[in-house]
Amino acid sequence: MSKPLRFFQSFMLAMAGLGLTTLASANLVEGQHYERLPEPIETQVEEGKIEVTEVFWYGCPHCYNLQPSVSQWYTTLAEDVEVIHMPATMGGDWNTHAMMFYAAEALEIREEAHADIFHALHEEGQRLDNANAIVSFFTQYGVSEEQAREALDSFGVKAQINQAHSRMRAMRLMGVPALVIDGRYVVSPSSAGSLDNMPQVADALIERIREERGN
């Protein structure tokens, strides 16, 4: 591991500890802990629920490092919160991985394969940057090559990629990972102070929304 990388990891760990204290003792500040979208975007959850959208790219090391804390956080969320996973679309491998995500959903293997895809890319050195590689990867979940190719080439998957791209533009996102709360608030590693602090900031925003709604 290089010295700059070791320094960055140490810095992030230190910031995580600092963030824990700050968030426990002070109210969140717009522009400091989160950003508010100039125009709220329409949410995709049923009325009365609070939407949490995790925007990610499978090839992003920060998105991969966020997974342990955010996945654990998801298990603690109340029934009035619904999580939506949205792959970022910035062209090239980003769009290929978005296609893989939505194809896995269409094949009903996304929940099983999601963590494995991150692991394959970041721990095993797989690229998964073309249809043949993705088809081969999907077959380990009991999917035939024909089924995998049909899903990857389907109109539904292409439409979902286009929709994700439109939503990402509306969210004004220039990078990932990000948590978008109720179509209004954007939480990033820089605004939260660390990757591990992102769920905490999001939690506080969820509570604020409950208070606004009188829940």
C-alpha atoms as a PDB file:
ATOM      1  CA  MET A   1       0.000   0.000   0.000  1.00  0.00           C
ATOM      2  CA  SER A   2       1.360   3.423  -0.928  1.00  0.00           C
ATOM      3  CA  LYS A   3       2.065   6.101   1.669  1.00  0.00           C
ATOM      4  CA  PRO A   4      -0.581   8.487   0.232  1.00  0.00           C
ATOM      5  CA  LEU A   5      -3.215   5.746   0.416  1.00  0.00           C
ATOM      6  CA  ARG A   6      -2.250   4.862   3.999  1.00  0.00           C
ATOM      7  CA  PHE A   7      -2.439   8.542   4.934  1.00  0.00           C
ATOM      8  CA  PHE A   8      -5.853   8.903   3.267  1.00  0.00           C
ATOM      9  CA  GLN A   9      -7.247   5.853   5.099  1.00  0.00           C
ATOM     10  CA  SER A  10      -5.903   7.108   8.436  1.00  0.00           C
ATOM     11  CA  PHE A  11      -7.401  10.532   7.772  1.00  0.00           C
ATOM     12  CA  MET A  12     -10.792   9.027   6.929  1.00  0.00           C
ATOM     13  CA  LEU A  13     -10.774   6.954  10.127  1.00  0.00           C
ATOM     14  CA  ALA A  14      -9.930  10.014  12.195  1.00  0.00           C
ATOM     15  CA  MET A  15     -12.671  12.024  10.528  1.00  0.00           C
ATOM     16  CA  ALA A  16     -15.147   9.240  11.213  1.00  0.00           C
ATOM     17  CA  GLY A  17     -14.444   9.478  14.939  1.00  0.00           C
ATOM     18  CA  LEU A  18     -14.731  13.267  14.856  1.00  0.00           C
ATOM     19  CA  GLY A  19     -18.011  13.029  12.984  1.00  0.00           C
ATOM     20  CA  LEU A  20     -19.530  10.752  15.619  1.00  0.00           C
ATOM     21  CA  THR A  21     -18.992  13.389  18.295  1.00  0.00           C
ATOM     22  CA  THR A  22     -20.149  16.298  16.144  1.00  0.00           C
ATOM     23  CA  LEU A  23     -23.348  14.641  14.976  1.00  0.00           C
ATOM     24  CA  ALA A  24     -24.270  13.579  18.475  1.00  0.00           C
ATOM     25  CA  SER A  25     -23.984  17.068  19.927  1.00  0.00           C
ATOM     26  CA  ALA A  26     -25.159  19.496  17.230  1.00  0.00           C
ATOM     27  CA  ASN A  27     -27.933  19.957  14.709  1.00  0.00           C
ATOM     28  CA  LEU A  28     -27.151  19.359  11.088  1.00  0.00           C
ATOM     29  CA  VAL A  29     -26.180  22.395   9.043  1.00  0.00           C
ATOM     30  CA  GLU A  30     -27.118  22.777   5.384  1.00  0.00           C
ATOM     31  CA  GLY A  31     -24.022  23.210   3.251  1.00  0.00           C
ATOM     32  CA  GLN A  32     -21.896  21.617   5.965  1.00  0.00           C
ATOM     33  CA  HIS A  33     -23.366  18.168   6.622  1.00  0.00           C
ATOM     34  CA  TYR A  34     -25.588  17.889   3.553  1.00  0.00           C
ATOM     35  CA  GLU A  35     -26.727  19.767   0.448  1.00  0.00           C
ATOM     36  CA  ARG A  36     -30.305  20.664  -0.425  1.00  0.00           C
ATOM     37  CA  LEU A  37     -31.380  20.254  -4.045  1.00  0.00           C
ATOM     38  CA  PRO A  38     -32.604  23.524  -5.585  1.00  0.00           C
ATOM     39  CA  GLU A  39     -35.601  21.633  -6.966  1.00  0.00           C
ATOM     40  CA  PRO A  40     -36.855  18.492  -5.202  1.00  0.00           C
ATOM     41  CA  ILE A  41     -37.197  15.480  -7.468  1.00  0.00           C
ATOM     42  CA  GLU A  42     -40.191  13.177  -7.511  1.00  0.00           C
ATOM     43  CA  THR A  43     -39.719  10.150  -5.266  1.00  0.00           C
ATOM     44  CA  GLN A  44     -40.467   6.595  -6.350  1.00  0.00           C
ATOM     45  CA  VAL A  45     -41.928   5.222  -3.134  1.00  0.00           C
ATOM     46  CA  GLU A  46     -45.534   5.015  -2.008  1.00  0.00           C
ATOM     47  CA  GLU A  47     -47.107   7.988  -0.286  1.00  0.00           C
ATOM     48  CA  GLY A  48     -46.168   8.335   3.359  1.00  0.00           C
ATOM     49  CA  LYS A  49     -42.789   6.633   3.000  1.00  0.00           C
ATOM     50  CA  ILE A  50     -39.392   8.323   3.099  1.00  0.00           C
ATOM     51  CA  GLU A  51     -37.137   7.481   0.181  1.00  0.00           C
ATOM     52  CA  VAL A  52     -33.413   6.836   0.617  1.00  0.00           C
ATOM     53  CA  THR A  53     -31.620   6.500  -2.715  1.00  0.00           C
ATOM     54  CA  GLU A  54     -28.101   5.109  -2.647  1.00  0.00           C
ATOM     55  CA  VAL A  55     -26.309   6.235  -5.798  1.00  0.00           C
ATOM     56  CA  PHE A  56     -23.239   4.140  -6.547  1.00  0.00           C
ATOM     57  CA  TRP A  57     -20.927   2.712  -9.166  1.00  0.00           C
ATOM     58  CA  TYR A  58     -19.721  -0.861  -8.805  1.00  0.00           C
ATOM     59  CA  GLY A  59     -16.242   0.208  -9.908  1.00  0.00           C
ATOM     60  CA  CYS A  60     -15.946   2.953  -7.274  1.00  0.00           C
ATOM     61  CA  PRO A  61     -13.656   2.006  -4.345  1.00  0.00           C
ATOM     62  CA  HIS A  62     -15.435   4.452  -2.028  1.00  0.00           C
ATOM     63  CA  CYS A  63     -18.802   2.887  -2.873  1.00  0.00           C
ATOM     64  CA  TYR A  64     -17.301  -0.502  -2.087  1.00  0.00           C
ATOM     65  CA  ASN A  65     -15.874   0.723   1.223  1.00  0.00           C
ATOM     66  CA  LEU A  66     -19.238   2.244   2.145  1.00  0.00           C
ATOM     67  CA  GLN A  67     -21.073  -1.060   1.823  1.00  0.00           C
ATOM     68  CA  PRO A  68     -20.401  -2.498   5.325  1.00  0.00           C
ATOM     69  CA  SER A  69     -21.704   0.552   7.193  1.00  0.00           C
ATOM     70  CA  VAL A  70     -24.578   1.367   4.862  1.00  0.00           C
ATOM     71  CA  SER A  71     -25.737  -2.252   4.611  1.00  0.00           C
ATOM     72  CA  GLN A  72     -25.833  -2.552   8.389  1.00  0.00           C
ATOM     73  CA  TRP A  73     -27.698   0.749   8.601  1.00  0.00           C
ATOM     74  CA  TYR A  74     -30.367  -0.465   6.198  1.00  0.00           C
ATOM     75  CA  THR A  75     -31.256  -3.258   8.629  1.00  0.00           C
ATOM     76  CA  THR A  76     -32.055  -0.668  11.324  1.00  0.00           C
ATOM     77  CA  LEU A  77     -34.435   1.470   9.273  1.00  0.00           C
ATOM     78  CA  ALA A  78     -38.091   1.653  10.274  1.00  0.00           C
ATOM     79  CA  GLU A  79     -40.948   0.586   8.024  1.00  0.00           C
ATOM     80  CA  ASP A  80     -41.628   4.165   6.917  1.00  0.00           C
ATOM     81  CA  VAL A  81     -38.270   4.240   5.070  1.00  0.00           C
ATOM     82  CA  GLU A  82     -37.653   2.569   1.721  1.00  0.00           C
ATOM     83  CA  VAL A  83     -34.219   2.173   0.161  1.00  0.00           C
ATOM     84  CA  ILE A  84     -33.656   2.409  -3.581  1.00  0.00           C
ATOM     85  CA  HIS A  85     -30.328   1.456  -5.124  1.00  0.00           C
ATOM     86  CA  MET A  86     -29.493   3.477  -8.219  1.00  0.00           C
ATOM     87  CA  PRO A  87     -26.370   2.873 -10.310  1.00  0.00           C
ATOM     88  CA  ALA A  88     -24.689   6.028 -11.570  1.00  0.00           C
ATOM     89  CA  THR A  89     -24.507   6.523 -15.325  1.00  0.00           C
ATOM     90  CA  MET A  90     -21.526   8.513 -16.565  1.00  0.00           C
ATOM     91  CA  GLY A  91     -20.760   6.551 -19.721  1.00  0.00           C
ATOM     92  CA  GLY A  92     -18.300   3.740 -20.382  1.00  0.00           C
ATOM     93  CA  ASP A  93     -17.955   1.156 -17.617  1.00  0.00           C
ATOM     94  CA  TRP A  94     -20.407   3.124 -15.481  1.00  0.00           C
ATOM     95  CA  ASN A  95     -23.214   2.403 -17.939  1.00  0.00           C
ATOM     96  CA  THR A  96     -22.084  -1.194 -18.428  1.00  0.00           C
ATOM     97  CA  HIS A  97     -22.263  -1.761 -14.683  1.00  0.00           C
ATOM     98  CA  ALA A  98     -25.648  -0.027 -14.542  1.00  0.00           C
ATOM     99  CA  MET A  99     -26.824  -2.463 -17.211  1.00  0.00           C
ATOM    100  CA  MET A 100     -25.490  -5.331 -15.088  1.00  0.00           C
ATOM    101  CA  PHE A 101     -27.372  -4.043 -12.025  1.00  0.00           C
ATOM    102  CA  TYR A 102     -30.718  -3.725 -13.786  1.00  0.00           C
ATOM    103  CA  ALA A 103     -30.268  -7.027 -15.618  1.00  0.00           C
ATOM    104  CA  ALA A 104     -29.627  -8.713 -12.256  1.00  0.00           C
ATOM    105  CA  GLU A 105     -32.863  -7.159 -10.987  1.00  0.00           C
ATOM    106  CA  ALA A 106     -34.758  -8.424 -14.029  1.00  0.00           C
ATOM    107  CA  LEU A 107     -33.328 -11.906 -13.421  1.00  0.00           C
ATOM    108  CA  GLU A 108     -34.257 -11.662  -9.706  1.00  0.00           C
ATOM    109  CA  ILE A 109     -30.674 -12.274  -8.578  1.00  0.00           C
ATOM    110  CA  ARG A 110     -29.748  -8.706  -7.646  1.00  0.00           C
ATOM    111  CA  GLU A 111     -29.980  -9.128  -3.876  1.00  0.00           C
ATOM    112  CA  GLU A 112     -27.850 -12.250  -4.048  1.00  0.00           C
ATOM    113  CA  ALA A 113     -25.322 -10.874  -6.521  1.00  0.00           C
ATOM    114  CA  HIS A 114     -24.966  -7.243  -5.385  1.00  0.00           C
ATOM    115  CA  ALA A 115     -22.210  -7.727  -2.792  1.00  0.00           C
ATOM    116  CA  ASP A 116     -20.537 -10.383  -4.946  1.00  0.00           C
ATOM    117  CA  ILE A 117     -20.199  -7.938  -7.854  1.00  0.00           C
ATOM    118  CA  PHE A 118     -18.396  -5.437  -5.629  1.00  0.00           C
ATOM    119  CA  HIS A 119     -16.159  -8.231  -4.317  1.00  0.00           C
ATOM    120  CA  ALA A 120     -15.365  -9.541  -7.792  1.00  0.00           C
ATOM    121  CA  LEU A 121     -14.309  -6.099  -8.993  1.00  0.00           C
ATOM    122  CA  HIS A 122     -12.351  -4.919  -5.969  1.00  0.00           C
ATOM    123  CA  GLU A 123     -10.944  -8.106  -4.466  1.00  0.00           C
ATOM    124  CA  GLU A 124     -10.678 -10.541  -7.369  1.00  0.00           C
ATOM    125  CA  GLY A 125      -9.622  -8.123 -10.094  1.00  0.00           C
ATOM    126  CA  GLN A 126     -12.474  -8.998 -12.438  1.00  0.00           C
ATOM    127  CA  ARG A 127     -13.464  -6.188 -14.789  1.00  0.00           C
ATOM    128  CA  LEU A 128     -17.002  -7.205 -15.748  1.00  0.00           C
ATOM    129  CA  ASP A 129     -16.894  -4.557 -18.449  1.00  0.00           C
ATOM    130  CA  ASN A 130     -18.548  -6.426 -21.320  1.00  0.00           C
ATOM    131  CA  ALA A 131     -21.576  -8.595 -21.960  1.00  0.00           C
ATOM    132  CA  ASN A 132     -19.633 -11.868 -22.191  1.00  0.00           C
ATOM    133  CA  ALA A 133     -17.993 -11.354 -18.796  1.00  0.00           C
ATOM    134  CA  ILE A 134     -21.303 -10.402 -17.186  1.00  0.00           C
ATOM    135  CA  VAL A 135     -23.131 -13.363 -18.724  1.00  0.00           C
ATOM    136  CA  SER A 136     -20.447 -15.714 -17.412  1.00  0.00           C
ATOM    137  CA  PHE A 137     -20.690 -14.102 -13.962  1.00  0.00           C
ATOM    138  CA  PHE A 138     -24.485 -14.436 -13.844  1.00  0.00           C
ATOM    139  CA  THR A 139     -24.436 -18.156 -14.634  1.00  0.00           C
ATOM    140  CA  GLN A 140     -23.166 -18.921 -11.129  1.00  0.00           C
ATOM    141  CA  TYR A 141     -26.622 -17.911  -9.844  1.00  0.00           C
ATOM    142  CA  GLY A 142     -28.459 -20.527 -11.868  1.00  0.00           C
ATOM    143  CA  VAL A 143     -29.149 -18.216 -14.807  1.00  0.00           C
ATOM    144  CA  SER A 144     -28.638 -19.590 -18.312  1.00  0.00           C
ATOM    145  CA  GLU A 145     -26.470 -17.714 -20.799  1.00  0.00           C
ATOM    146  CA  GLU A 146     -29.530 -17.125 -22.962  1.00  0.00           C
ATOM    147  CA  GLN A 147     -31.510 -15.649 -20.056  1.00  0.00           C
ATOM    148  CA  ALA A 148     -28.594 -13.391 -19.089  1.00  0.00           C
ATOM    149  CA  ARG A 149     -28.134 -12.078 -22.637  1.00  0.00           C
ATOM    150  CA  GLU A 150     -31.853 -11.453 -23.049  1.00  0.00           C
ATOM    151  CA  ALA A 151     -31.910  -9.446 -19.817  1.00  0.00           C
ATOM    152  CA  LEU A 152     -28.864  -7.385 -20.785  1.00  0.00           C
ATOM    153  CA  ASP A 153     -30.359  -6.583 -24.194  1.00  0.00           C
ATOM    154  CA  SER A 154     -33.913  -5.978 -22.969  1.00  0.00           C
ATOM    155  CA  PHE A 155     -35.842  -2.779 -23.579  1.00  0.00           C
ATOM    156  CA  GLY A 156     -36.732  -2.653 -19.874  1.00  0.00           C
ATOM    157  CA  VAL A 157     -33.081  -2.546 -18.775  1.00  0.00           C
ATOM    158  CA  LYS A 158     -32.252   0.145 -21.326  1.00  0.00           C
ATOM    159  CA  ALA A 159     -35.244   2.203 -20.159  1.00  0.00           C
ATOM    160  CA  GLN A 160     -34.126   1.925 -16.528  1.00  0.00           C
ATOM    161  CA  ILE A 161     -30.636   3.116 -17.431  1.00  0.00           C
ATOM    162  CA  ASN A 162     -32.108   6.142 -19.180  1.00  0.00           C
ATOM    163  CA  GLN A 163     -34.326   6.867 -16.190  1.00  0.00           C
ATOM    164  CA  ALA A 164     -31.368   6.567 -13.791  1.00  0.00           C
ATOM    165  CA  HIS A 165     -29.401   8.978 -15.958  1.00  0.00           C
ATOM    166  CA  SER A 166     -32.252  11.509 -15.867  1.00  0.00           C
ATOM    167  CA  ARG A 167     -32.593  11.203 -12.099  1.00  0.00           C
ATOM    168  CA  MET A 168     -28.853  11.559 -11.582  1.00  0.00           C
ATOM    169  CA  ARG A 169     -28.876  14.782 -13.596  1.00  0.00           C
ATOM    170  CA  ALA A 170     -31.829  16.046 -11.572  1.00  0.00           C
ATOM    171  CA  MET A 171     -29.911  15.212  -8.389  1.00  0.00           C
ATOM    172  CA  ARG A 172     -26.987  17.271  -9.748  1.00  0.00           C
ATOM    173  CA  LEU A 173     -24.551  14.544  -8.810  1.00  0.00           C
ATOM    174  CA  MET A 174     -20.996  14.779 -10.080  1.00  0.00           C
ATOM    175  CA  GLY A 175     -19.681  11.805  -8.152  1.00  0.00           C
ATOM    176  CA  VAL A 176     -20.490   8.836  -5.942  1.00  0.00           C
ATOM    177  CA  PRO A 177     -21.288   7.483  -3.432  1.00  0.00           C
ATOM    178  CA  ALA A 178     -24.254   9.616  -2.429  1.00  0.00           C
ATOM    179  CA  LEU A 179     -27.369   9.170  -0.328  1.00  0.00           C
ATOM    180  CA  VAL A 180     -30.347  11.210  -1.512  1.00  0.00           C
ATOM    181  CA  ILE A 181     -33.031  11.586   1.130  1.00  0.00           C
ATOM    182  CA  ASP A 182     -36.672  12.241   0.207  1.00  0.00           C
ATOM    183  CA  GLY A 183     -35.636  13.633  -3.163  1.00  0.00           C
ATOM    184  CA  ARG A 184     -34.376  16.759  -1.377  1.00  0.00           C
ATOM    185  CA  TYR A 185     -31.174  16.223   0.578  1.00  0.00           C
ATOM    186  CA  VAL A 186     -27.852  14.915  -0.724  1.00  0.00           C
ATOM    187  CA  VAL A 187     -25.324  13.352   1.641  1.00  0.00           C
ATOM    188  CA  SER A 188     -21.794  12.708   0.354  1.00  0.00           C
ATOM    189  CA  PRO A 189     -18.560  11.563   2.035  1.00  0.00           C
ATOM    190  CA  SER A 190     -17.237  15.128   1.970  1.00  0.00           C
ATOM    191  CA  SER A 191     -20.370  16.661   3.482  1.00  0.00           C
ATOM    192  CA  ALA A 192     -20.741  13.952   6.126  1.00  0.00           C
ATOM    193  CA  GLY A 193     -17.052  14.043   7.061  1.00  0.00           C
ATOM    194  CA  SER A 194     -16.457  10.376   6.219  1.00  0.00           C
ATOM    195  CA  LEU A 195     -18.016   7.372   4.567  1.00  0.00           C
ATOM    196  CA  ASP A 196     -19.058   5.933   7.929  1.00  0.00           C
ATOM    197  CA  ASN A 197     -20.810   9.164   8.899  1.00  0.00           C
ATOM    198  CA  MET A 198     -23.074   9.164   5.851  1.00  0.00           C
ATOM    199  CA  PRO A 199     -25.734   6.893   7.406  1.00  0.00           C
ATOM    200  CA  GLN A 200     -25.743   9.023  10.570  1.00  0.00           C
ATOM    201  CA  VAL A 201     -26.368  12.238   8.676  1.00  0.00           C
ATOM    202  CA  ALA A 202     -29.038  10.484   6.616  1.00  0.00           C
ATOM    203  CA  ASP A 203     -30.655   9.200   9.815  1.00  0.00           C
ATOM    204  CA  ALA A 204     -30.869  12.715  11.225  1.00  0.00           C
ATOM    205  CA  LEU A 205     -32.435  13.975   7.986  1.00  0.00           C
ATOM    206  CA  ILE A 206     -34.984  11.153   8.074  1.00  0.00           C
ATOM    207  CA  GLU A 207     -35.929  12.187  11.603  1.00  0.00           C
ATOM    208  CA  ARG A 208     -36.258  15.805  10.464  1.00  0.00           C
ATOM    209  CA  ILE A 209     -38.640  14.703   7.704  1.00  0.00           C
ATOM    210  CA  ARG A 210     -40.714  12.754  10.219  1.00  0.00           C
ATOM    211  CA  GLU A 211     -40.983  15.849  12.366  1.00  0.00           C
ATOM    212  CA  GLU A 212     -42.037  17.947   9.363  1.00  0.00           C
ATOM    213  CA  ARG A 213     -44.733  15.430   8.557  1.00  0.00           C
ATOM    214  CA  GLY A 214     -45.860  15.253  12.160  1.00  0.00           C
ATOM    215  CA  ASN A 215     -44.965  11.571  12.486  1.00  0.00           C
END
